[in-house]
Amino acid sequence: MIERFVDTSGWGSWADSHQQFHSAALACVNEVWQHGGRLVTSNWILVELTSLLTRPLRVAKAQQVQLLADIRGDPGVLIVAMDSGLEASAWRLWETRLDKEWSLTDCASFVVMQQLRLVEAVTTDHHFEQAGFVRLLK
């Protein structure tokens, strides 16, 4: 079964046809769904996505609500809730990687990917490559 992590930039690219990597994001997501796979994301990513959709993408609020409802209701999407253990691991990673400009959300995503043994990320963010994962949108 194909499983891929979807980052904020991945969802944004998938949702907005004006984005540079829209076609690639569609292909990455569709490949997973066509093979009965699963997309993995986190509740923190979805929170960050609402900010991206509001600004700079300027997606109408009604469209945002529908998009997030579709993602949250799709049985092919696993939304990992960041519990206190995952959050503590994310903070530790963030605090110990002084050489990287990773956000706490990035670190939380890396922790989730490591725990679920995911390799590929639907993202434009080069930080995923720095952390040893495969960035699919470049």
Protein backbone atom coordinates (compact mmCIF):
# COMPACT_ATOMS: atom_id res chain seq x y z
CA MET A 1 0.00 0.00 0.00
CA ILE A 2 1.31 3.45 -0.93
CA GLU A 3 1.40 5.91 1.96
CA ARG A 4 2.56 9.48 1.62
CA PHE A 5 2.73 12.35 4.05
CA VAL A 6 1.06 15.54 2.82
CA ASP A 7 2.52 18.79 4.10
CA THR A 8 0.86 22.21 4.06
CA SER A 9 2.46 23.15 0.75
CA GLY A 10 1.34 19.84 -0.72
CA TRP A 11 -2.30 20.43 0.20
CA GLY A 12 -2.04 24.01 -1.06
CA SER A 13 -0.55 22.88 -4.37
CA TRP A 14 -3.20 20.18 -4.70
CA ALA A 15 -6.08 22.58 -3.94
CA ASP A 16 -5.06 25.63 -5.98
CA SER A 17 -4.77 25.19 -9.74
CA HIS A 18 -2.69 28.38 -9.95
CA GLN A 19 0.16 26.87 -7.95
CA GLN A 20 3.38 25.90 -9.74
CA PHE A 21 3.22 22.28 -8.56
CA HIS A 22 -0.54 21.78 -8.88
CA SER A 23 -0.29 19.09 -11.58
CA ALA A 24 2.45 17.23 -9.73
CA ALA A 25 0.49 17.36 -6.47
CA LEU A 26 -2.62 16.02 -8.22
CA ALA A 27 -0.57 13.18 -9.67
CA CYS A 28 0.98 12.30 -6.28
CA VAL A 29 -2.38 12.26 -4.52
CA ASN A 30 -4.24 10.48 -7.32
CA GLU A 31 -1.61 7.74 -7.48
CA VAL A 32 -2.15 7.00 -3.80
CA TRP A 33 -5.93 6.94 -4.11
CA GLN A 34 -5.92 4.87 -7.33
CA HIS A 35 -3.88 2.18 -5.59
CA GLY A 36 -6.01 2.13 -2.44
CA GLY A 37 -3.29 3.81 -0.44
CA ARG A 38 -3.43 6.39 2.27
CA LEU A 39 -2.44 10.01 2.65
CA VAL A 40 -1.12 10.97 6.06
CA THR A 41 -1.14 14.45 7.52
CA SER A 42 -1.49 15.99 10.96
CA ASN A 43 -3.92 18.28 12.70
CA TRP A 44 -1.11 20.85 12.90
CA ILE A 45 -0.73 20.74 9.11
CA LEU A 46 -4.45 21.37 8.67
CA VAL A 47 -4.29 24.34 11.03
CA GLU A 48 -1.35 25.72 9.06
CA LEU A 49 -3.25 25.05 5.82
CA THR A 50 -6.09 27.37 6.87
CA SER A 51 -3.53 30.18 7.19
CA LEU A 52 -2.04 29.41 3.77
CA LEU A 53 -5.47 29.32 2.14
CA THR A 54 -6.45 32.62 3.75
CA ARG A 55 -3.24 34.38 2.85
CA PRO A 56 -1.33 34.28 0.55
CA LEU A 57 -3.63 32.06 -1.57
CA ARG A 58 -6.76 34.09 -0.78
CA VAL A 59 -9.19 31.20 -1.18
CA ALA A 60 -12.77 32.15 -0.29
CA LYS A 61 -13.76 31.06 3.22
CA ALA A 62 -16.64 28.87 1.98
CA GLN A 63 -14.21 27.00 -0.28
CA GLN A 64 -11.76 26.61 2.60
CA VAL A 65 -14.45 25.14 4.82
CA GLN A 66 -15.49 22.67 2.12
CA LEU A 67 -11.91 21.67 1.31
CA LEU A 68 -11.04 21.01 4.95
CA ALA A 69 -14.30 19.12 5.46
CA ASP A 70 -13.47 16.97 2.43
CA ILE A 71 -9.96 16.22 3.69
CA ARG A 72 -11.15 15.55 7.25
CA GLY A 73 -13.95 13.29 6.06
CA ASP A 74 -11.99 11.26 3.52
CA PRO A 75 -11.37 7.68 4.69
CA GLY A 76 -8.20 7.66 2.56
CA VAL A 77 -6.65 10.40 4.71
CA LEU A 78 -5.18 9.65 8.12
CA ILE A 79 -4.99 12.77 10.27
CA VAL A 80 -2.53 12.22 13.09
CA ALA A 81 -3.46 14.18 16.20
CA MET A 82 -0.43 15.67 17.84
CA ASP A 83 -0.66 14.32 21.37
CA SER A 84 1.66 15.35 24.20
CA GLY A 85 4.20 12.61 23.36
CA LEU A 86 4.48 13.58 19.69
CA GLU A 87 4.62 17.23 20.62
CA ALA A 88 7.42 16.60 23.13
CA SER A 89 9.39 14.71 20.47
CA ALA A 90 8.86 17.57 18.01
CA TRP A 91 10.10 20.11 20.56
CA ARG A 92 13.19 17.99 21.28
CA LEU A 93 14.02 17.73 17.58
CA TRP A 94 13.49 21.46 17.07
CA GLU A 95 15.65 22.38 20.08
CA THR A 96 18.52 20.08 19.11
CA ARG A 97 18.83 21.01 15.43
CA LEU A 98 20.31 24.48 15.83
CA ASP A 99 21.91 24.14 12.40
CA LYS A 100 18.49 23.95 10.66
CA GLU A 101 15.77 26.52 10.06
CA TRP A 102 13.05 23.95 10.64
CA SER A 103 9.77 25.13 12.12
CA LEU A 104 8.16 23.26 14.98
CA THR A 105 5.49 22.09 12.52
CA ASP A 106 8.24 20.71 10.27
CA CYS A 107 9.71 18.82 13.23
CA ALA A 108 6.30 17.46 14.19
CA SER A 109 5.85 16.22 10.62
CA PHE A 110 9.25 14.54 10.68
CA VAL A 111 8.41 12.80 13.94
CA VAL A 112 5.13 11.51 12.51
CA MET A 113 6.85 10.33 9.35
CA GLN A 114 9.56 8.53 11.34
CA GLN A 115 7.04 6.83 13.63
CA LEU A 116 4.91 5.65 10.70
CA ARG A 117 7.99 4.77 8.62
CA LEU A 118 6.96 7.07 5.78
CA VAL A 119 9.56 8.05 3.20
CA GLU A 120 7.75 10.29 0.70
CA ALA A 121 6.25 13.71 1.34
CA VAL A 122 3.93 15.64 -0.94
CA THR A 123 5.61 18.97 -0.27
CA THR A 124 7.64 21.75 -1.84
CA ASP A 125 9.57 22.24 1.40
CA HIS A 126 13.27 21.36 1.05
CA HIS A 127 13.46 20.83 4.82
CA PHE A 128 11.96 17.38 4.28
CA GLU A 129 14.99 16.47 2.17
CA GLN A 130 17.32 17.85 4.86
CA ALA A 131 15.60 15.51 7.32
CA GLY A 132 16.19 12.52 5.03
CA PHE A 133 12.79 12.20 3.33
CA VAL A 134 11.85 12.29 -0.36
CA ARG A 135 10.27 15.60 -1.44
CA LEU A 136 7.90 14.87 -4.31
CA LEU A 137 7.20 18.46 -5.45
CA LYS A 138 10.29 20.07 -6.95
